[in-house]
């Protein structure tokens, strides 16, 4: 198989991280000659907040409040990661990137630069009530500040105002393969559906 790119999008708590990890495991079994470069923006930002800088402190404040980071920081984070680690042979798996529309448009420029085929955009469709329920469970175990009740409401508004336009941008974009996945099923059923629609069975 040629190296491919996969972009997981969806509401907070939709299971992007879980399904990204399962896809990476599936790709390992199908193609033992390639590894995957996993661009997990949320985790990258949480790691970045441990640095001792003014920008890191502002980043922590923004994330803890449930607000989205500005586009320039998102592009800086994943752009630097890819520039440093991508060798041209890995599968690219994006988890939670892009978010805002401008970021989506900037990410689109990456694929022709590296000579990659048009990416798969995998949208995990989950309603707010289901996502909130999942996050309340996660909050009890993870202790993440952005999973609190007030922060989830902030994230809901940010999703509707900023992320939905990005999803709709991709939905009708001829430069991507868009998959609309029902995310309110079991983890196993969702993964099986993704694998089937990607033609990886």
N, C-alpha and C. Protein backbone atom coordinates (compact mmCIF):
# COMPACT_ATOMS: atom_id res chain seq x y z
N UNK A 1 0.83 -1.21 0.00
CA UNK A 1 0.00 0.00 0.00
C UNK A 1 0.86 1.25 0.00
N UNK A 2 0.39 2.27 -0.70
CA UNK A 2 1.04 3.56 -0.64
C UNK A 2 0.71 4.22 0.70
N UNK A 3 1.58 5.12 1.17
CA UNK A 3 1.24 5.82 2.42
C UNK A 3 -0.03 6.65 2.23
N UNK A 4 -0.91 6.58 3.20
CA UNK A 4 -2.16 7.32 3.15
C UNK A 4 -2.29 8.19 4.40
N UNK A 5 -3.24 9.10 4.33
CA UNK A 5 -3.47 10.03 5.44
C UNK A 5 -4.91 9.92 5.90
N UNK A 6 -5.10 10.00 7.22
CA UNK A 6 -6.41 9.84 7.82
C UNK A 6 -6.62 10.97 8.84
N UNK A 7 -7.72 11.69 8.70
CA UNK A 7 -8.02 12.82 9.57
C UNK A 7 -9.30 12.50 10.34
N UNK A 8 -9.17 12.32 11.65
CA UNK A 8 -10.34 12.05 12.49
C UNK A 8 -10.90 13.35 13.02
N UNK A 9 -12.20 13.57 12.76
CA UNK A 9 -12.87 14.77 13.22
C UNK A 9 -14.15 14.39 13.96
N UNK A 10 -14.60 15.29 14.80
CA UNK A 10 -15.83 15.03 15.53
C UNK A 10 -15.89 15.85 16.80
N UNK A 11 -17.01 15.76 17.44
CA UNK A 11 -17.25 16.47 18.68
C UNK A 11 -16.32 15.96 19.78
N UNK A 12 -16.07 16.77 20.81
CA UNK A 12 -15.40 16.33 22.03
C UNK A 12 -16.09 15.06 22.52
N UNK A 13 -15.31 14.05 22.91
CA UNK A 13 -15.90 12.82 23.42
C UNK A 13 -16.46 11.90 22.36
N UNK A 14 -16.17 12.16 21.09
CA UNK A 14 -16.73 11.32 20.02
C UNK A 14 -15.94 10.03 19.81
N UNK A 15 -14.76 9.94 20.42
CA UNK A 15 -13.97 8.72 20.29
C UNK A 15 -12.85 8.81 19.27
N UNK A 16 -12.43 10.02 18.94
CA UNK A 16 -11.38 10.19 17.93
C UNK A 16 -10.09 9.48 18.32
N UNK A 17 -9.68 9.65 19.58
CA UNK A 17 -8.44 9.02 20.02
C UNK A 17 -8.52 7.51 19.99
N UNK A 18 -9.64 6.98 20.45
CA UNK A 18 -9.84 5.52 20.47
C UNK A 18 -9.80 4.96 19.05
N UNK A 19 -10.56 5.58 18.15
CA UNK A 19 -10.63 5.06 16.79
C UNK A 19 -9.32 5.28 16.02
N UNK A 20 -8.61 6.35 16.32
CA UNK A 20 -7.29 6.56 15.71
C UNK A 20 -6.34 5.44 16.09
N UNK A 21 -6.33 5.11 17.38
CA UNK A 21 -5.45 4.05 17.86
C UNK A 21 -5.79 2.71 17.25
N UNK A 22 -7.08 2.41 17.15
CA UNK A 22 -7.51 1.15 16.54
C UNK A 22 -7.13 1.08 15.06
N UNK A 23 -7.25 2.21 14.36
CA UNK A 23 -6.87 2.22 12.95
C UNK A 23 -5.37 1.99 12.79
N UNK A 24 -4.58 2.62 13.64
CA UNK A 24 -3.12 2.42 13.58
C UNK A 24 -2.77 0.95 13.79
N UNK A 25 -3.45 0.31 14.74
CA UNK A 25 -3.22 -1.12 14.98
C UNK A 25 -3.62 -1.96 13.76
N UNK A 26 -4.73 -1.59 13.13
CA UNK A 26 -5.19 -2.31 11.93
C UNK A 26 -4.19 -2.14 10.79
N UNK A 27 -3.66 -0.93 10.64
CA UNK A 27 -2.69 -0.68 9.57
C UNK A 27 -1.41 -1.49 9.78
N UNK A 28 -1.01 -1.67 11.04
CA UNK A 28 0.18 -2.49 11.34
C UNK A 28 0.01 -3.92 10.85
N UNK A 29 -1.20 -4.45 11.02
CA UNK A 29 -1.46 -5.84 10.61
C UNK A 29 -1.53 -5.98 9.10
N UNK A 30 -2.06 -4.96 8.44
CA UNK A 30 -2.23 -5.02 7.00
C UNK A 30 -0.92 -4.76 6.26
N UNK A 31 -0.15 -3.82 6.77
CA UNK A 31 1.09 -3.40 6.11
C UNK A 31 2.22 -3.36 7.14
N UNK A 32 3.01 -4.41 7.16
CA UNK A 32 4.09 -4.51 8.15
C UNK A 32 5.32 -3.70 7.74
N UNK A 33 5.29 -3.12 6.55
CA UNK A 33 6.46 -2.38 6.07
C UNK A 33 6.45 -0.91 6.46
N UNK A 34 5.29 -0.43 6.98
CA UNK A 34 5.19 0.98 7.30
C UNK A 34 4.75 1.18 8.74
N UNK A 35 5.17 2.29 9.29
CA UNK A 35 4.67 2.71 10.61
C UNK A 35 3.70 3.88 10.39
N UNK A 36 3.12 4.36 11.47
CA UNK A 36 2.21 5.50 11.39
C UNK A 36 2.74 6.65 12.23
N UNK A 37 2.64 7.84 11.71
CA UNK A 37 2.95 9.04 12.48
C UNK A 37 1.64 9.58 13.00
N UNK A 38 1.48 9.54 14.31
CA UNK A 38 0.22 9.90 14.96
C UNK A 38 0.30 11.33 15.44
N UNK A 39 -0.49 12.20 14.82
CA UNK A 39 -0.50 13.60 15.20
C UNK A 39 -1.71 13.83 16.09
N UNK A 40 -1.47 13.81 17.39
CA UNK A 40 -2.53 13.93 18.40
C UNK A 40 -2.42 15.32 19.01
N UNK A 41 -3.10 16.27 18.40
CA UNK A 41 -2.90 17.67 18.75
C UNK A 41 -3.20 17.98 20.21
N UNK A 42 -4.30 17.42 20.73
CA UNK A 42 -4.66 17.69 22.12
C UNK A 42 -3.56 17.27 23.08
N UNK A 43 -3.00 16.08 22.87
CA UNK A 43 -1.94 15.60 23.73
C UNK A 43 -0.67 16.43 23.55
N UNK A 44 -0.40 16.83 22.31
CA UNK A 44 0.77 17.68 22.06
C UNK A 44 0.66 19.00 22.82
N UNK A 45 -0.54 19.57 22.83
CA UNK A 45 -0.74 20.82 23.57
C UNK A 45 -0.60 20.60 25.08
N UNK A 46 -1.15 19.50 25.57
CA UNK A 46 -1.02 19.23 27.02
C UNK A 46 0.44 19.04 27.42
N UNK A 47 1.22 18.42 26.54
CA UNK A 47 2.66 18.28 26.82
C UNK A 47 3.35 19.63 26.76
N UNK A 48 2.93 20.43 25.81
CA UNK A 48 3.54 21.75 25.64
C UNK A 48 3.33 22.63 26.87
N UNK A 49 2.20 22.46 27.55
CA UNK A 49 1.91 23.30 28.72
C UNK A 49 2.88 23.06 29.87
N UNK A 50 3.66 21.98 29.79
CA UNK A 50 4.64 21.70 30.85
C UNK A 50 5.91 22.53 30.69
N UNK A 51 6.05 23.20 29.55
CA UNK A 51 7.22 24.05 29.34
C UNK A 51 7.09 25.34 30.16
N UNK A 52 8.20 25.94 30.46
CA UNK A 52 8.19 27.16 31.28
C UNK A 52 8.34 28.38 30.38
N UNK A 53 7.25 28.75 29.74
CA UNK A 53 7.26 29.94 28.90
C UNK A 53 5.92 30.65 29.03
N UNK A 54 5.89 31.90 28.64
CA UNK A 54 4.67 32.68 28.69
C UNK A 54 3.59 32.06 27.79
N UNK A 55 4.01 31.62 26.59
CA UNK A 55 3.05 31.02 25.66
C UNK A 55 2.51 29.71 26.20
N UNK A 56 3.35 28.93 26.86
CA UNK A 56 2.90 27.67 27.45
C UNK A 56 1.87 27.93 28.55
N UNK A 57 2.09 28.99 29.34
CA UNK A 57 1.15 29.32 30.40
C UNK A 57 -0.20 29.77 29.82
N UNK A 58 -0.16 30.55 28.75
CA UNK A 58 -1.40 30.96 28.10
C UNK A 58 -2.11 29.77 27.46
N UNK A 59 -1.33 28.85 26.94
CA UNK A 59 -1.90 27.64 26.34
C UNK A 59 -2.64 26.83 27.38
N UNK A 60 -2.04 26.67 28.55
CA UNK A 60 -2.69 25.91 29.63
C UNK A 60 -3.99 26.58 30.05
N UNK A 61 -3.96 27.89 30.18
CA UNK A 61 -5.15 28.63 30.58
C UNK A 61 -6.28 28.45 29.56
N UNK A 62 -5.93 28.48 28.30
CA UNK A 62 -6.92 28.33 27.22
C UNK A 62 -7.51 26.93 27.21
N UNK A 63 -6.65 25.93 27.30
CA UNK A 63 -7.12 24.54 27.26
C UNK A 63 -7.98 24.21 28.48
N UNK A 64 -7.53 24.63 29.66
CA UNK A 64 -8.28 24.33 30.89
C UNK A 64 -9.67 24.95 30.88
N UNK A 65 -9.83 26.05 30.16
CA UNK A 65 -11.13 26.72 30.11
C UNK A 65 -12.08 26.06 29.13
N UNK A 66 -11.54 25.15 28.27
CA UNK A 66 -12.37 24.50 27.28
C UNK A 66 -12.40 25.22 25.95
N UNK A 67 -11.68 26.33 25.83
CA UNK A 67 -11.67 27.09 24.58
C UNK A 67 -10.68 26.48 23.58
N UNK A 68 -10.88 26.79 22.30
CA UNK A 68 -9.98 26.31 21.26
C UNK A 68 -8.74 27.19 21.19
N UNK A 69 -7.64 26.56 20.86
CA UNK A 69 -6.40 27.31 20.66
C UNK A 69 -6.47 28.06 19.34
N UNK A 70 -5.76 29.20 19.22
CA UNK A 70 -5.74 29.94 17.96
C UNK A 70 -5.05 29.13 16.86
N UNK A 71 -5.43 29.41 15.63
CA UNK A 71 -4.93 28.62 14.50
C UNK A 71 -3.41 28.60 14.40
N UNK A 72 -2.77 29.74 14.67
CA UNK A 72 -1.32 29.79 14.46
C UNK A 72 -0.59 28.80 15.37
N UNK A 73 -1.11 28.58 16.58
CA UNK A 73 -0.48 27.63 17.48
C UNK A 73 -0.71 26.19 17.03
N UNK A 74 -1.90 25.92 16.53
CA UNK A 74 -2.19 24.57 16.04
C UNK A 74 -1.28 24.21 14.86
N UNK A 75 -1.20 25.13 13.92
CA UNK A 75 -0.37 24.89 12.73
C UNK A 75 1.09 24.77 13.13
N UNK A 76 1.52 25.61 14.06
CA UNK A 76 2.90 25.54 14.54
C UNK A 76 3.19 24.16 15.14
N UNK A 77 2.25 23.65 15.93
CA UNK A 77 2.49 22.40 16.64
C UNK A 77 2.56 21.21 15.69
N UNK A 78 1.52 21.04 14.85
CA UNK A 78 1.57 19.87 13.96
C UNK A 78 2.53 20.07 12.80
N UNK A 79 2.72 21.32 12.39
CA UNK A 79 3.68 21.57 11.31
C UNK A 79 5.09 21.22 11.72
N UNK A 80 5.46 21.62 12.94
CA UNK A 80 6.80 21.31 13.45
C UNK A 80 6.98 19.81 13.61
N UNK A 81 5.95 19.14 14.15
CA UNK A 81 6.03 17.70 14.37
C UNK A 81 6.25 16.94 13.06
N UNK A 82 5.49 17.30 12.03
CA UNK A 82 5.62 16.62 10.74
C UNK A 82 6.96 16.94 10.09
N UNK A 83 7.36 18.21 10.14
CA UNK A 83 8.64 18.60 9.54
C UNK A 83 9.81 17.85 10.18
N UNK A 84 9.71 17.60 11.48
CA UNK A 84 10.80 16.93 12.18
C UNK A 84 10.78 15.41 12.04
N UNK A 85 9.59 14.83 11.98
CA UNK A 85 9.50 13.36 12.09
C UNK A 85 9.05 12.62 10.84
N UNK A 86 8.39 13.30 9.91
CA UNK A 86 7.86 12.58 8.75
C UNK A 86 8.97 12.30 7.75
N UNK A 87 9.09 11.03 7.35
CA UNK A 87 10.15 10.62 6.41
C UNK A 87 9.63 10.39 5.00
N UNK A 88 8.31 10.46 4.83
CA UNK A 88 7.73 10.23 3.51
C UNK A 88 7.20 8.83 3.31
N UNK A 89 7.38 7.96 4.30
CA UNK A 89 6.93 6.57 4.14
C UNK A 89 5.82 6.18 5.12
N UNK A 90 5.58 6.98 6.15
CA UNK A 90 4.60 6.61 7.17
C UNK A 90 3.18 6.94 6.72
N UNK A 91 2.23 6.25 7.35
CA UNK A 91 0.84 6.68 7.30
C UNK A 91 0.73 7.89 8.24
N UNK A 92 -0.09 8.85 7.86
CA UNK A 92 -0.33 10.00 8.72
C UNK A 92 -1.72 9.88 9.32
N UNK A 93 -1.81 9.95 10.64
CA UNK A 93 -3.08 9.85 11.33
C UNK A 93 -3.24 11.10 12.20
N UNK A 94 -4.23 11.92 11.86
CA UNK A 94 -4.49 13.16 12.59
C UNK A 94 -5.69 12.97 13.51
N UNK A 95 -5.50 13.28 14.77
CA UNK A 95 -6.55 13.13 15.78
C UNK A 95 -6.89 14.51 16.34
N UNK A 96 -8.04 15.05 15.94
CA UNK A 96 -8.46 16.35 16.45
C UNK A 96 -7.88 17.53 15.72
N UNK A 97 -7.27 17.28 14.59
CA UNK A 97 -6.75 18.33 13.73
C UNK A 97 -7.31 18.10 12.33
N UNK A 98 -7.84 19.11 11.70
CA UNK A 98 -7.94 20.50 12.12
C UNK A 98 -9.20 20.75 12.94
N UNK A 99 -9.30 21.96 13.45
CA UNK A 99 -10.51 22.37 14.16
C UNK A 99 -11.16 23.54 13.42
N UNK A 100 -10.55 24.69 13.46
CA UNK A 100 -11.14 25.85 12.79
C UNK A 100 -10.91 25.78 11.28
N UNK A 101 -11.77 26.49 10.54
CA UNK A 101 -11.76 26.43 9.08
C UNK A 101 -10.43 26.83 8.48
N UNK A 102 -9.82 27.90 8.99
CA UNK A 102 -8.54 28.34 8.44
C UNK A 102 -7.47 27.26 8.60
N UNK A 103 -7.51 26.56 9.73
CA UNK A 103 -6.56 25.48 9.95
C UNK A 103 -6.80 24.34 8.96
N UNK A 104 -8.07 24.04 8.69
CA UNK A 104 -8.40 22.98 7.73
C UNK A 104 -7.84 23.33 6.35
N UNK A 105 -7.97 24.58 5.96
CA UNK A 105 -7.47 25.01 4.66
C UNK A 105 -5.95 24.95 4.60
N UNK A 106 -5.30 25.26 5.71
CA UNK A 106 -3.84 25.19 5.75
C UNK A 106 -3.35 23.75 5.74
N UNK A 107 -4.06 22.88 6.45
CA UNK A 107 -3.67 21.46 6.46
C UNK A 107 -3.79 20.87 5.06
N UNK A 108 -4.76 21.32 4.31
CA UNK A 108 -4.97 20.79 2.96
C UNK A 108 -3.75 20.99 2.07
N UNK A 109 -2.99 22.05 2.33
CA UNK A 109 -1.81 22.32 1.51
C UNK A 109 -0.68 21.34 1.78
N UNK A 110 -0.76 20.61 2.89
CA UNK A 110 0.30 19.66 3.24
C UNK A 110 0.40 18.50 2.27
N UNK A 111 -0.73 17.98 1.82
CA UNK A 111 -0.75 16.73 1.06
C UNK A 111 -0.11 16.84 -0.33
N UNK A 112 -0.43 17.86 -1.11
CA UNK A 112 0.28 17.98 -2.39
C UNK A 112 1.76 18.30 -2.21
N UNK A 113 2.13 19.01 -1.14
CA UNK A 113 3.54 19.31 -0.90
C UNK A 113 4.35 18.03 -0.76
N UNK A 114 3.78 17.03 -0.06
CA UNK A 114 4.48 15.76 0.14
C UNK A 114 4.15 14.73 -0.94
N UNK A 115 3.37 15.12 -1.94
CA UNK A 115 3.04 14.19 -3.02
C UNK A 115 2.11 13.08 -2.58
N UNK A 116 1.26 13.36 -1.57
CA UNK A 116 0.36 12.34 -1.04
C UNK A 116 -0.98 12.38 -1.75
N UNK A 117 -1.63 11.22 -1.79
CA UNK A 117 -2.97 11.15 -2.34
C UNK A 117 -3.93 11.90 -1.42
N UNK A 118 -5.12 12.21 -1.92
CA UNK A 118 -6.05 12.97 -1.09
C UNK A 118 -6.41 12.18 0.17
N UNK A 119 -6.46 12.87 1.31
CA UNK A 119 -6.63 12.19 2.59
C UNK A 119 -8.07 11.72 2.81
N UNK A 120 -8.20 10.81 3.77
CA UNK A 120 -9.50 10.38 4.24
C UNK A 120 -9.88 11.23 5.45
N UNK A 121 -11.04 11.84 5.40
CA UNK A 121 -11.57 12.58 6.55
C UNK A 121 -12.66 11.70 7.17
N UNK A 122 -12.43 11.28 8.40
CA UNK A 122 -13.36 10.36 9.08
C UNK A 122 -14.08 11.14 10.17
N UNK A 123 -15.33 11.46 9.90
CA UNK A 123 -16.13 12.26 10.83
C UNK A 123 -16.96 11.34 11.71
N UNK A 124 -16.71 11.39 13.01
CA UNK A 124 -17.45 10.59 13.98
C UNK A 124 -18.63 11.41 14.48
N UNK A 125 -19.81 11.07 14.03
CA UNK A 125 -21.02 11.84 14.32
C UNK A 125 -21.63 11.40 15.65
N UNK A 126 -21.53 12.28 16.65
CA UNK A 126 -22.05 12.01 17.99
C UNK A 126 -22.77 13.26 18.47
N UNK A 127 -23.95 13.09 19.04
CA UNK A 127 -24.71 14.23 19.55
C UNK A 127 -24.12 14.75 20.87
N UNK A 128 -24.46 15.98 21.21
CA UNK A 128 -23.91 16.63 22.40
C UNK A 128 -24.21 15.84 23.68
N UNK A 129 -25.43 15.32 23.82
CA UNK A 129 -25.81 14.61 25.05
C UNK A 129 -24.94 13.38 25.25
N UNK A 130 -24.73 12.62 24.20
CA UNK A 130 -23.90 11.42 24.29
C UNK A 130 -22.46 11.79 24.60
N UNK A 131 -21.95 12.81 23.92
CA UNK A 131 -20.57 13.24 24.15
C UNK A 131 -20.38 13.73 25.58
N UNK A 132 -21.34 14.48 26.09
CA UNK A 132 -21.25 15.00 27.46
C UNK A 132 -21.23 13.86 28.47
N UNK A 133 -22.05 12.84 28.22
CA UNK A 133 -22.08 11.69 29.11
C UNK A 133 -20.73 10.99 29.14
N UNK A 134 -20.13 10.83 27.98
CA UNK A 134 -18.82 10.18 27.90
C UNK A 134 -17.76 11.00 28.64
N UNK A 135 -17.82 12.31 28.48
CA UNK A 135 -16.81 13.16 29.12
C UNK A 135 -16.96 13.19 30.63
N UNK A 136 -18.19 13.09 31.12
CA UNK A 136 -18.40 13.08 32.57
C UNK A 136 -17.79 11.82 33.18
N UNK A 137 -17.86 10.72 32.43
CA UNK A 137 -17.23 9.47 32.88
C UNK A 137 -15.72 9.62 32.84
N UNK A 138 -15.21 10.20 31.74
CA UNK A 138 -13.76 10.37 31.61
C UNK A 138 -13.22 11.32 32.67
N UNK A 139 -13.98 12.36 33.01
CA UNK A 139 -13.52 13.35 33.98
C UNK A 139 -13.25 12.73 35.34
N UNK A 140 -14.04 11.71 35.69
CA UNK A 140 -13.87 11.07 37.00
C UNK A 140 -12.57 10.28 37.08
N UNK A 141 -12.07 9.85 35.95
CA UNK A 141 -10.84 9.05 35.97
C UNK A 141 -9.61 9.83 35.54
N UNK A 142 -9.80 10.78 34.60
CA UNK A 142 -8.64 11.50 34.06
C UNK A 142 -8.30 12.76 34.84
N UNK A 143 -9.31 13.40 35.41
CA UNK A 143 -9.08 14.65 36.11
C UNK A 143 -8.75 15.81 35.20
N UNK A 144 -9.04 15.68 33.89
CA UNK A 144 -8.76 16.77 32.96
C UNK A 144 -9.68 17.95 33.23
N UNK A 145 -9.13 19.15 33.42
CA UNK A 145 -9.96 20.33 33.71
C UNK A 145 -10.97 20.63 32.61
N UNK A 146 -10.61 20.34 31.35
CA UNK A 146 -11.50 20.69 30.24
C UNK A 146 -12.67 19.73 30.09
N UNK A 147 -12.74 18.71 30.95
CA UNK A 147 -13.86 17.77 30.93
C UNK A 147 -14.93 18.14 31.96
N UNK A 148 -14.75 19.23 32.70
CA UNK A 148 -15.73 19.67 33.68
C UNK A 148 -17.00 20.17 33.01
N UNK A 149 -18.08 20.25 33.77
CA UNK A 149 -19.39 20.61 33.22
C UNK A 149 -19.38 21.96 32.52
N UNK A 150 -18.82 22.98 33.17
CA UNK A 150 -18.79 24.32 32.57
C UNK A 150 -17.91 24.34 31.33
N UNK A 151 -16.80 23.63 31.39
CA UNK A 151 -15.88 23.60 30.26
C UNK A 151 -16.50 22.87 29.06
N UNK A 152 -17.28 21.82 29.34
CA UNK A 152 -17.94 21.09 28.26
C UNK A 152 -18.93 21.99 27.52
N UNK A 153 -19.60 22.86 28.26
CA UNK A 153 -20.52 23.80 27.61
C UNK A 153 -19.76 24.77 26.72
N UNK A 154 -18.60 25.21 27.17
CA UNK A 154 -17.76 26.08 26.35
C UNK A 154 -17.32 25.34 25.09
N UNK A 155 -16.97 24.07 25.26
CA UNK A 155 -16.53 23.27 24.12
C UNK A 155 -17.67 23.03 23.13
N UNK A 156 -18.90 22.89 23.66
CA UNK A 156 -20.05 22.71 22.78
C UNK A 156 -20.21 23.93 21.87
N UNK A 157 -20.12 25.11 22.46
CA UNK A 157 -20.28 26.34 21.69
C UNK A 157 -19.15 26.49 20.67
N UNK A 158 -17.94 26.14 21.07
CA UNK A 158 -16.80 26.23 20.16
C UNK A 158 -16.95 25.24 19.01
N UNK A 159 -17.45 24.06 19.33
CA UNK A 159 -17.66 23.04 18.29
C UNK A 159 -18.64 23.55 17.25
N UNK A 160 -19.77 24.07 17.71
CA UNK A 160 -20.81 24.52 16.79
C UNK A 160 -20.37 25.74 15.98
N UNK A 161 -19.62 26.63 16.62
CA UNK A 161 -19.21 27.87 15.94
C UNK A 161 -18.01 27.68 15.02
N UNK A 162 -17.06 26.83 15.44
CA UNK A 162 -15.78 26.76 14.73
C UNK A 162 -15.50 25.43 14.04
N UNK A 163 -15.89 24.32 14.64
CA UNK A 163 -15.53 23.02 14.07
C UNK A 163 -16.53 22.55 13.03
N UNK A 164 -17.81 22.80 13.26
CA UNK A 164 -18.83 22.40 12.28
C UNK A 164 -18.54 23.00 10.90
N UNK A 165 -18.16 24.28 10.79
CA UNK A 165 -17.82 24.82 9.46
C UNK A 165 -16.67 24.06 8.78
N UNK A 166 -15.71 23.58 9.58
CA UNK A 166 -14.60 22.80 9.01
C UNK A 166 -15.09 21.46 8.48
N UNK A 167 -15.99 20.83 9.24
CA UNK A 167 -16.55 19.55 8.81
C UNK A 167 -17.33 19.73 7.50
N UNK A 168 -18.14 20.79 7.43
CA UNK A 168 -18.92 21.03 6.22
C UNK A 168 -18.02 21.39 5.04
N UNK A 169 -16.91 22.05 5.32
CA UNK A 169 -15.93 22.37 4.28
C UNK A 169 -15.38 21.09 3.66
N UNK A 170 -15.07 20.12 4.50
CA UNK A 170 -14.54 18.86 4.00
C UNK A 170 -15.62 18.00 3.34
N UNK A 171 -16.83 18.08 3.83
CA UNK A 171 -17.91 17.22 3.34
C UNK A 171 -18.11 17.37 1.83
N UNK A 172 -17.93 18.57 1.33
CA UNK A 172 -18.14 18.82 -0.10
C UNK A 172 -16.84 19.12 -0.85
N UNK A 173 -15.72 18.78 -0.24
CA UNK A 173 -14.41 19.11 -0.81
C UNK A 173 -13.92 17.98 -1.71
N UNK A 174 -13.68 18.25 -2.99
CA UNK A 174 -13.21 17.20 -3.91
C UNK A 174 -11.78 16.74 -3.63
N UNK A 175 -11.07 17.46 -2.77
CA UNK A 175 -9.67 17.11 -2.49
C UNK A 175 -9.52 16.14 -1.34
N UNK A 176 -10.64 15.67 -0.76
CA UNK A 176 -10.59 14.68 0.32
C UNK A 176 -11.63 13.59 0.06
N UNK A 177 -11.43 12.46 0.73
CA UNK A 177 -12.43 11.40 0.78
C UNK A 177 -13.14 11.52 2.12
N UNK A 178 -14.41 11.86 2.11
CA UNK A 178 -15.13 12.13 3.35
C UNK A 178 -15.98 10.93 3.75
N UNK A 179 -15.80 10.48 5.00
CA UNK A 179 -16.61 9.39 5.54
C UNK A 179 -17.43 9.90 6.71
N UNK A 180 -18.74 9.72 6.64
CA UNK A 180 -19.64 10.10 7.72
C UNK A 180 -19.96 8.84 8.52
N UNK A 181 -19.46 8.76 9.75
CA UNK A 181 -19.55 7.55 10.56
C UNK A 181 -20.45 7.79 11.78
N UNK A 182 -21.40 6.91 11.98
CA UNK A 182 -22.26 6.96 13.18
C UNK A 182 -21.41 6.60 14.39
N UNK A 183 -21.15 7.59 15.23
CA UNK A 183 -20.26 7.38 16.38
C UNK A 183 -20.97 6.96 17.65
N UNK A 184 -22.28 6.70 17.58
CA UNK A 184 -23.03 6.34 18.78
C UNK A 184 -23.32 4.84 18.83
N UNK A 185 -22.33 4.06 18.44
CA UNK A 185 -22.41 2.60 18.50
C UNK A 185 -21.26 2.09 19.37
N UNK A 186 -21.11 0.79 19.43
CA UNK A 186 -20.01 0.24 20.21
C UNK A 186 -18.69 0.58 19.52
N UNK A 187 -17.62 0.61 20.29
CA UNK A 187 -16.29 0.89 19.75
C UNK A 187 -15.95 -0.08 18.63
N UNK A 188 -16.30 -1.35 18.84
CA UNK A 188 -15.98 -2.39 17.86
C UNK A 188 -16.74 -2.19 16.56
N UNK A 189 -18.02 -1.84 16.66
CA UNK A 189 -18.83 -1.64 15.45
C UNK A 189 -18.36 -0.42 14.67
N UNK A 190 -17.99 0.62 15.38
CA UNK A 190 -17.50 1.83 14.70
C UNK A 190 -16.20 1.52 13.96
N UNK A 191 -15.30 0.83 14.63
CA UNK A 191 -14.02 0.47 14.01
C UNK A 191 -14.23 -0.40 12.78
N UNK A 192 -15.11 -1.39 12.89
CA UNK A 192 -15.37 -2.29 11.76
C UNK A 192 -15.94 -1.50 10.58
N UNK A 193 -16.80 -0.54 10.86
CA UNK A 193 -17.38 0.28 9.80
C UNK A 193 -16.31 1.12 9.12
N UNK A 194 -15.41 1.70 9.90
CA UNK A 194 -14.33 2.51 9.34
C UNK A 194 -13.42 1.67 8.45
N UNK A 195 -13.02 0.52 8.96
CA UNK A 195 -12.13 -0.37 8.20
C UNK A 195 -12.78 -0.78 6.87
N UNK A 196 -14.06 -1.10 6.94
CA UNK A 196 -14.77 -1.52 5.72
C UNK A 196 -14.83 -0.40 4.70
N UNK A 197 -15.19 0.80 5.16
CA UNK A 197 -15.33 1.93 4.24
C UNK A 197 -13.99 2.41 3.68
N UNK A 198 -12.92 2.14 4.41
CA UNK A 198 -11.58 2.48 3.92
C UNK A 198 -11.04 1.42 2.96
N UNK A 199 -11.74 0.29 2.87
CA UNK A 199 -11.29 -0.79 2.01
C UNK A 199 -10.09 -1.53 2.57
N UNK A 200 -10.01 -1.61 3.90
CA UNK A 200 -8.85 -2.25 4.55
C UNK A 200 -9.13 -3.66 5.03
N UNK A 201 -10.28 -4.19 4.71
CA UNK A 201 -10.64 -5.53 5.19
C UNK A 201 -9.78 -6.59 4.52
